[in-house]
Every structure is written in C-alpha cells, then in structure tokens.
Amino acid sequence: MDPYKAGEQLCDALTRADMVLPGLAVDTASPRLRLIHLGTVRADVAVMHARVIRGGGDCDGQCRAAAPA
C-alpha cells in the first residue's frame, strides 16, 4: 500500500469525523517500511478521539484542538 494514499484516506476519514491529527505525515526516513507518523496530541484530545472511534460520542468541534501543547 502506498503510504501517501493511506495517509490521505486517514486524513479524509478524520476530517469527516471532525477530527485532526496535525502531525499526520508519511515517514520519509524509512520508505521501505511505508510508515505513517500520527504525531502527538494532548491526553484529553486522545481521549476525545478514542470516544469517537469507539462510537461513544462526538467531538463537538473540540477534536480540532489537537495541536501539541
């Protein structure tokens, strides 16, 4: 799988869920491994993301505040 296409698909899905991972990027240091860097978020933002993924809530626009502190 092309990591750039995978990253785009993940970004699109996050956007539809009103979520952001500002550090989302393809890891160019290890191209053979095809890694995607998800970045860093505050603990409270990680919990909000987990709730949305589990289907137990929504972000109410707060998941966009995912920039590292």
PDB file of N, CA and C in Angstrom:
ATOM      1  N   MET A   1       0.842  -1.185   0.000  1.00  0.00           N
ATOM      2  CA  MET A   1       0.000   0.000   0.000  1.00  0.00           C
ATOM      3  C   MET A   1       0.878   1.235   0.000  1.00  0.00           C
ATOM      4  N   ASP A   2       0.520   2.192  -0.803  1.00  0.00           N
ATOM      5  CA  ASP A   2       1.218   3.464  -0.881  1.00  0.00           C
ATOM      6  C   ASP A   2       0.927   4.269   0.386  1.00  0.00           C
ATOM      7  N   PRO A   3       1.949   4.657   1.157  1.00  0.00           N
ATOM      8  CA  PRO A   3       1.699   5.377   2.401  1.00  0.00           C
ATOM      9  C   PRO A   3       1.064   6.749   2.190  1.00  0.00           C
ATOM     10  N   TYR A   4       1.329   7.366   1.058  1.00  0.00           N
ATOM     11  CA  TYR A   4       0.717   8.671   0.786  1.00  0.00           C
ATOM     12  C   TYR A   4      -0.794   8.523   0.588  1.00  0.00           C
ATOM     13  N   LYS A   5      -1.197   7.499  -0.153  1.00  0.00           N
ATOM     14  CA  LYS A   5      -2.630   7.255  -0.343  1.00  0.00           C
ATOM     15  C   LYS A   5      -3.282   6.853   0.974  1.00  0.00           C
ATOM     16  N   ALA A   6      -2.589   6.030   1.766  1.00  0.00           N
ATOM     17  CA  ALA A   6      -3.130   5.621   3.069  1.00  0.00           C
ATOM     18  C   ALA A   6      -3.291   6.835   3.978  1.00  0.00           C
ATOM     19  N   GLY A   7      -2.309   7.707   3.975  1.00  0.00           N
ATOM     20  CA  GLY A   7      -2.386   8.928   4.778  1.00  0.00           C
ATOM     21  C   GLY A   7      -3.534   9.829   4.350  1.00  0.00           C
ATOM     22  N   GLU A   8      -3.739   9.932   3.042  1.00  0.00           N
ATOM     23  CA  GLU A   8      -4.855  10.728   2.521  1.00  0.00           C
ATOM     24  C   GLU A   8      -6.194  10.131   2.951  1.00  0.00           C
ATOM     25  N   GLN A   9      -6.306   8.812   2.884  1.00  0.00           N
ATOM     26  CA  GLN A   9      -7.545   8.152   3.296  1.00  0.00           C
ATOM     27  C   GLN A   9      -7.815   8.390   4.781  1.00  0.00           C
ATOM     28  N   LEU A  10      -6.778   8.285   5.603  1.00  0.00           N
ATOM     29  CA  LEU A  10      -6.937   8.527   7.037  1.00  0.00           C
ATOM     30  C   LEU A  10      -7.309   9.980   7.299  1.00  0.00           C
ATOM     31  N   CYS A  11      -6.652  10.892   6.631  1.00  0.00           N
ATOM     32  CA  CYS A  11      -6.954  12.318   6.797  1.00  0.00           C
ATOM     33  C   CYS A  11      -8.393  12.620   6.393  1.00  0.00           C
ATOM     34  N   ASP A  12      -8.849  12.058   5.290  1.00  0.00           N
ATOM     35  CA  ASP A  12     -10.230  12.247   4.840  1.00  0.00           C
ATOM     36  C   ASP A  12     -11.224  11.713   5.871  1.00  0.00           C
ATOM     37  N   ALA A  13     -10.950  10.520   6.405  1.00  0.00           N
ATOM     38  CA  ALA A  13     -11.844   9.927   7.400  1.00  0.00           C
ATOM     39  C   ALA A  13     -11.871  10.771   8.677  1.00  0.00           C
ATOM     40  N   LEU A  14     -10.709  11.253   9.093  1.00  0.00           N
ATOM     41  CA  LEU A  14     -10.653  12.108  10.286  1.00  0.00           C
ATOM     42  C   LEU A  14     -11.423  13.406  10.059  1.00  0.00           C
ATOM     43  N   THR A  15     -11.279  13.978   8.884  1.00  0.00           N
ATOM     44  CA  THR A  15     -11.976  15.219   8.569  1.00  0.00           C
ATOM     45  C   THR A  15     -13.486  15.019   8.614  1.00  0.00           C
ATOM     46  N   ARG A  16     -13.967  13.899   8.071  1.00  0.00           N
ATOM     47  CA  ARG A  16     -15.407  13.613   8.107  1.00  0.00           C
ATOM     48  C   ARG A  16     -15.911  13.462   9.540  1.00  0.00           C
ATOM     49  N   ALA A  17     -15.035  13.019  10.432  1.00  0.00           N
ATOM     50  CA  ALA A  17     -15.405  12.853  11.842  1.00  0.00           C
ATOM     51  C   ALA A  17     -15.108  14.120  12.647  1.00  0.00           C
ATOM     52  N   ASP A  18     -14.732  15.209  11.961  1.00  0.00           N
ATOM     53  CA  ASP A  18     -14.386  16.486  12.587  1.00  0.00           C
ATOM     54  C   ASP A  18     -13.206  16.329  13.545  1.00  0.00           C
ATOM     55  N   MET A  19     -12.234  15.519  13.118  1.00  0.00           N
ATOM     56  CA  MET A  19     -11.050  15.258  13.922  1.00  0.00           C
ATOM     57  C   MET A  19      -9.802  15.660  13.134  1.00  0.00           C
ATOM     58  N   VAL A  20      -8.749  16.017  13.872  1.00  0.00           N
ATOM     59  CA  VAL A  20      -7.494  16.415  13.238  1.00  0.00           C
ATOM     60  C   VAL A  20      -6.327  15.792  13.986  1.00  0.00           C
ATOM     61  N   LEU A  21      -5.371  15.270  13.251  1.00  0.00           N
ATOM     62  CA  LEU A  21      -4.069  14.899  13.800  1.00  0.00           C
ATOM     63  C   LEU A  21      -3.065  15.787  13.074  1.00  0.00           C
ATOM     64  N   PRO A  22      -2.669  16.913  13.681  1.00  0.00           N
ATOM     65  CA  PRO A  22      -1.827  17.877  12.962  1.00  0.00           C
ATOM     66  C   PRO A  22      -0.469  17.342  12.557  1.00  0.00           C
ATOM     67  N   GLY A  23       0.017  16.291  13.223  1.00  0.00           N
ATOM     68  CA  GLY A  23       1.315  15.734  12.877  1.00  0.00           C
ATOM     69  C   GLY A  23       1.258  14.612  11.866  1.00  0.00           C
ATOM     70  N   LEU A  24       0.082  14.347  11.303  1.00  0.00           N
ATOM     71  CA  LEU A  24      -0.092  13.247  10.349  1.00  0.00           C
ATOM     72  C   LEU A  24       0.781  13.482   9.118  1.00  0.00           C
ATOM     73  N   ALA A  25       1.691  12.541   8.862  1.00  0.00           N
ATOM     74  CA  ALA A  25       2.591  12.679   7.715  1.00  0.00           C
ATOM     75  C   ALA A  25       3.231  11.335   7.408  1.00  0.00           C
ATOM     76  N   VAL A  26       3.660  11.182   6.178  1.00  0.00           N
ATOM     77  CA  VAL A  26       4.393   9.981   5.791  1.00  0.00           C
ATOM     78  C   VAL A  26       5.809  10.106   6.352  1.00  0.00           C
ATOM     79  N   ASP A  27       6.302   9.018   6.936  1.00  0.00           N
ATOM     80  CA  ASP A  27       7.661   8.967   7.465  1.00  0.00           C
ATOM     81  C   ASP A  27       8.609   8.704   6.303  1.00  0.00           C
ATOM     82  N   THR A  28       9.295   9.740   5.858  1.00  0.00           N
ATOM     83  CA  THR A  28      10.175   9.617   4.690  1.00  0.00           C
ATOM     84  C   THR A  28      11.538   9.037   5.047  1.00  0.00           C
ATOM     85  N   ALA A  29      11.824   8.860   6.344  1.00  0.00           N
ATOM     86  CA  ALA A  29      13.119   8.329   6.769  1.00  0.00           C
ATOM     87  C   ALA A  29      13.239   6.827   6.502  1.00  0.00           C
ATOM     88  N   SER A  30      12.110   6.149   6.425  1.00  0.00           N
ATOM     89  CA  SER A  30      12.112   4.694   6.220  1.00  0.00           C
ATOM     90  C   SER A  30      11.133   4.312   5.112  1.00  0.00           C
ATOM     91  N   PRO A  31      11.427   4.683   3.872  1.00  0.00           N
ATOM     92  CA  PRO A  31      10.456   4.467   2.790  1.00  0.00           C
ATOM     93  C   PRO A  31      10.066   3.005   2.569  1.00  0.00           C
ATOM     94  N   ARG A  32      10.982   2.080   2.822  1.00  0.00           N
ATOM     95  CA  ARG A  32      10.650   0.663   2.612  1.00  0.00           C
ATOM     96  C   ARG A  32       9.610   0.166   3.604  1.00  0.00           C
ATOM     97  N   LEU A  33       9.577   0.762   4.781  1.00  0.00           N
ATOM     98  CA  LEU A  33       8.616   0.342   5.809  1.00  0.00           C
ATOM     99  C   LEU A  33       7.219   0.922   5.587  1.00  0.00           C
ATOM    100  N   ARG A  34       7.129   1.973   4.767  1.00  0.00           N
ATOM    101  CA  ARG A  34       5.849   2.625   4.450  1.00  0.00           C
ATOM    102  C   ARG A  34       5.098   3.038   5.722  1.00  0.00           C
ATOM    103  N   LEU A  35       5.794   3.763   6.606  1.00  0.00           N
ATOM    104  CA  LEU A  35       5.212   4.187   7.875  1.00  0.00           C
ATOM    105  C   LEU A  35       4.503   5.524   7.746  1.00  0.00           C
ATOM    106  N   ILE A  36       3.492   5.703   8.581  1.00  0.00           N
ATOM    107  CA  ILE A  36       2.779   6.973   8.659  1.00  0.00           C
ATOM    108  C   ILE A  36       2.905   7.478  10.091  1.00  0.00           C
ATOM    109  N   HIS A  37       3.444   8.667  10.228  1.00  0.00           N
ATOM    110  CA  HIS A  37       3.613   9.300  11.537  1.00  0.00           C
ATOM    111  C   HIS A  37       2.287   9.958  11.912  1.00  0.00           C
ATOM    112  N   LEU A  38       1.751   9.597  13.086  1.00  0.00           N
ATOM    113  CA  LEU A  38       0.466  10.146  13.520  1.00  0.00           C
ATOM    114  C   LEU A  38       0.618  11.390  14.376  1.00  0.00           C
ATOM    115  N   GLY A  39       1.802  11.669  14.844  1.00  0.00           N
ATOM    116  CA  GLY A  39       2.046  12.892  15.591  1.00  0.00           C
ATOM    117  C   GLY A  39       1.728  12.772  17.070  1.00  0.00           C
ATOM    118  N   THR A  40       1.667  13.916  17.727  1.00  0.00           N
ATOM    119  CA  THR A  40       1.471  13.999  19.162  1.00  0.00           C
ATOM    120  C   THR A  40       0.245  14.848  19.469  1.00  0.00           C
ATOM    121  N   VAL A  41      -0.554  14.389  20.432  1.00  0.00           N
ATOM    122  CA  VAL A  41      -1.701  15.167  20.904  1.00  0.00           C
ATOM    123  C   VAL A  41      -1.719  15.140  22.429  1.00  0.00           C
ATOM    124  N   ARG A  42      -2.407  16.109  23.026  1.00  0.00           N
ATOM    125  CA  ARG A  42      -2.591  16.124  24.483  1.00  0.00           C
ATOM    126  C   ARG A  42      -3.423  14.929  24.898  1.00  0.00           C
ATOM    127  N   ALA A  43      -3.301  14.516  26.152  1.00  0.00           N
ATOM    128  CA  ALA A  43      -4.035  13.359  26.666  1.00  0.00           C
ATOM    129  C   ALA A  43      -5.536  13.544  26.543  1.00  0.00           C
ATOM    130  N   ASP A  44      -6.066  14.739  26.824  1.00  0.00           N
ATOM    131  CA  ASP A  44      -7.513  14.954  26.743  1.00  0.00           C
ATOM    132  C   ASP A  44      -8.019  14.832  25.312  1.00  0.00           C
ATOM    133  N   VAL A  45      -7.200  15.237  24.363  1.00  0.00           N
ATOM    134  CA  VAL A  45      -7.580  15.119  22.954  1.00  0.00           C
ATOM    135  C   VAL A  45      -7.549  13.652  22.541  1.00  0.00           C
ATOM    136  N   ALA A  46      -6.573  12.894  23.027  1.00  0.00           N
ATOM    137  CA  ALA A  46      -6.513  11.458  22.731  1.00  0.00           C
ATOM    138  C   ALA A  46      -7.763  10.753  23.246  1.00  0.00           C
ATOM    139  N   VAL A  47      -8.237  11.139  24.430  1.00  0.00           N
ATOM    140  CA  VAL A  47      -9.453  10.543  24.990  1.00  0.00           C
ATOM    141  C   VAL A  47     -10.663  10.893  24.126  1.00  0.00           C
ATOM    142  N   MET A  48     -10.749  12.144  23.659  1.00  0.00           N
ATOM    143  CA  MET A  48     -11.863  12.536  22.777  1.00  0.00           C
ATOM    144  C   MET A  48     -11.830  11.718  21.494  1.00  0.00           C
ATOM    145  N   HIS A  49     -10.648  11.546  20.917  1.00  0.00           N
ATOM    146  CA  HIS A  49     -10.525  10.752  19.703  1.00  0.00           C
ATOM    147  C   HIS A  49     -10.952   9.310  19.966  1.00  0.00           C
ATOM    148  N   ALA A  50     -10.534   8.750  21.085  1.00  0.00           N
ATOM    149  CA  ALA A  50     -10.898   7.372  21.421  1.00  0.00           C
ATOM    150  C   ALA A  50     -12.414   7.213  21.535  1.00  0.00           C
ATOM    151  N   ARG A  51     -13.081   8.180  22.145  1.00  0.00           N
ATOM    152  CA  ARG A  51     -14.549   8.114  22.269  1.00  0.00           C
ATOM    153  C   ARG A  51     -15.219   8.102  20.902  1.00  0.00           C
ATOM    154  N   VAL A  52     -14.735   8.936  20.008  1.00  0.00           N
ATOM    155  CA  VAL A  52     -15.315   8.992  18.657  1.00  0.00           C
ATOM    156  C   VAL A  52     -15.068   7.676  17.928  1.00  0.00           C
ATOM    157  N   ILE A  53     -13.861   7.162  18.020  1.00  0.00           N
ATOM    158  CA  ILE A  53     -13.537   5.908  17.332  1.00  0.00           C
ATOM    159  C   ILE A  53     -14.395   4.770  17.858  1.00  0.00           C
ATOM    160  N   ARG A  54     -14.611   4.740  19.172  1.00  0.00           N
ATOM    161  CA  ARG A  54     -15.433   3.687  19.765  1.00  0.00           C
ATOM    162  C   ARG A  54     -16.925   3.889  19.491  1.00  0.00           C
ATOM    163  N   GLY A  55     -17.296   5.063  19.012  1.00  0.00           N
ATOM    164  CA  GLY A  55     -18.696   5.341  18.728  1.00  0.00           C
ATOM    165  C   GLY A  55     -19.469   5.813  19.943  1.00  0.00           C
ATOM    166  N   GLY A  56     -18.761   6.197  21.002  1.00  0.00           N
ATOM    167  CA  GLY A  56     -19.420   6.610  22.225  1.00  0.00           C
ATOM    168  C   GLY A  56     -19.560   8.103  22.387  1.00  0.00           C
ATOM    169  N   GLY A  57     -19.384   8.843  21.340  1.00  0.00           N
ATOM    170  CA  GLY A  57     -19.511  10.288  21.461  1.00  0.00           C
ATOM    171  C   GLY A  57     -19.066  10.965  20.194  1.00  0.00           C
ATOM    172  N   ASP A  58     -19.071  12.283  20.236  1.00  0.00           N
ATOM    173  CA  ASP A  58     -18.531  13.029  19.109  1.00  0.00           C
ATOM    174  C   ASP A  58     -17.642  14.139  19.642  1.00  0.00           C
ATOM    175  N   CYS A  59     -16.992  14.796  18.752  1.00  0.00           N
ATOM    176  CA  CYS A  59     -16.017  15.802  19.144  1.00  0.00           C
ATOM    177  C   CYS A  59     -16.636  17.149  19.466  1.00  0.00           C
ATOM    178  N   ASP A  60     -17.823  17.412  18.948  1.00  0.00           N
ATOM    179  CA  ASP A  60     -18.428  18.737  19.100  1.00  0.00           C
ATOM    180  C   ASP A  60     -17.439  19.832  18.708  1.00  0.00           C
ATOM    181  N   GLY A  61     -16.637  19.552  17.689  1.00  0.00           N
ATOM    182  CA  GLY A  61     -15.651  20.522  17.215  1.00  0.00           C
ATOM    183  C   GLY A  61     -14.395  20.599  18.057  1.00  0.00           C
ATOM    184  N   GLN A  62     -14.327  19.919  19.200  1.00  0.00           N
ATOM    185  CA  GLN A  62     -13.185  20.027  20.094  1.00  0.00           C
ATOM    186  C   GLN A  62     -11.989  19.212  19.624  1.00  0.00           C
ATOM    187  N   CYS A  63     -12.174  18.203  18.807  1.00  0.00           N
ATOM    188  CA  CYS A  63     -11.051  17.391  18.359  1.00  0.00           C
ATOM    189  C   CYS A  63     -10.139  18.171  17.432  1.00  0.00           C
ATOM    190  N   ARG A  64     -10.592  19.279  16.910  1.00  0.00           N
ATOM    191  CA  ARG A  64      -9.744  20.110  16.060  1.00  0.00           C
ATOM    192  C   ARG A  64      -8.691  20.833  16.882  1.00  0.00           C
ATOM    193  N   ALA A  65      -8.826  20.830  18.185  1.00  0.00           N
ATOM    194  CA  ALA A  65      -7.841  21.464  19.064  1.00  0.00           C
ATOM    195  C   ALA A  65      -6.715  20.491  19.380  1.00  0.00           C
ATOM    196  N   ALA A  66      -6.302  19.712  18.388  1.00  0.00           N
ATOM    197  CA  ALA A  66      -5.380  18.610  18.621  1.00  0.00           C
ATOM    198  C   ALA A  66      -3.910  18.998  18.532  1.00  0.00           C
ATOM    199  N   ALA A  67      -3.601  20.275  18.454  1.00  0.00           N
ATOM    200  CA  ALA A  67      -2.202  20.666  18.352  1.00  0.00           C
ATOM    201  C   ALA A  67      -1.468  20.359  19.650  1.00  0.00           C
ATOM    202  N   PRO A  68      -0.217  19.931  19.548  1.00  0.00           N
ATOM    203  CA  PRO A  68       0.538  19.632  20.768  1.00  0.00           C
ATOM    204  C   PRO A  68       0.655  20.852  21.665  1.00  0.00           C
ATOM    205  N   ALA A  69       0.635  20.632  22.957  1.00  0.00           N
ATOM    206  CA  ALA A  69       0.743  21.745  23.910  1.00  0.00           C
ATOM    207  C   ALA A  69       2.174  22.228  24.013  1.00  0.00           C
TER     208      ALA A  69
END
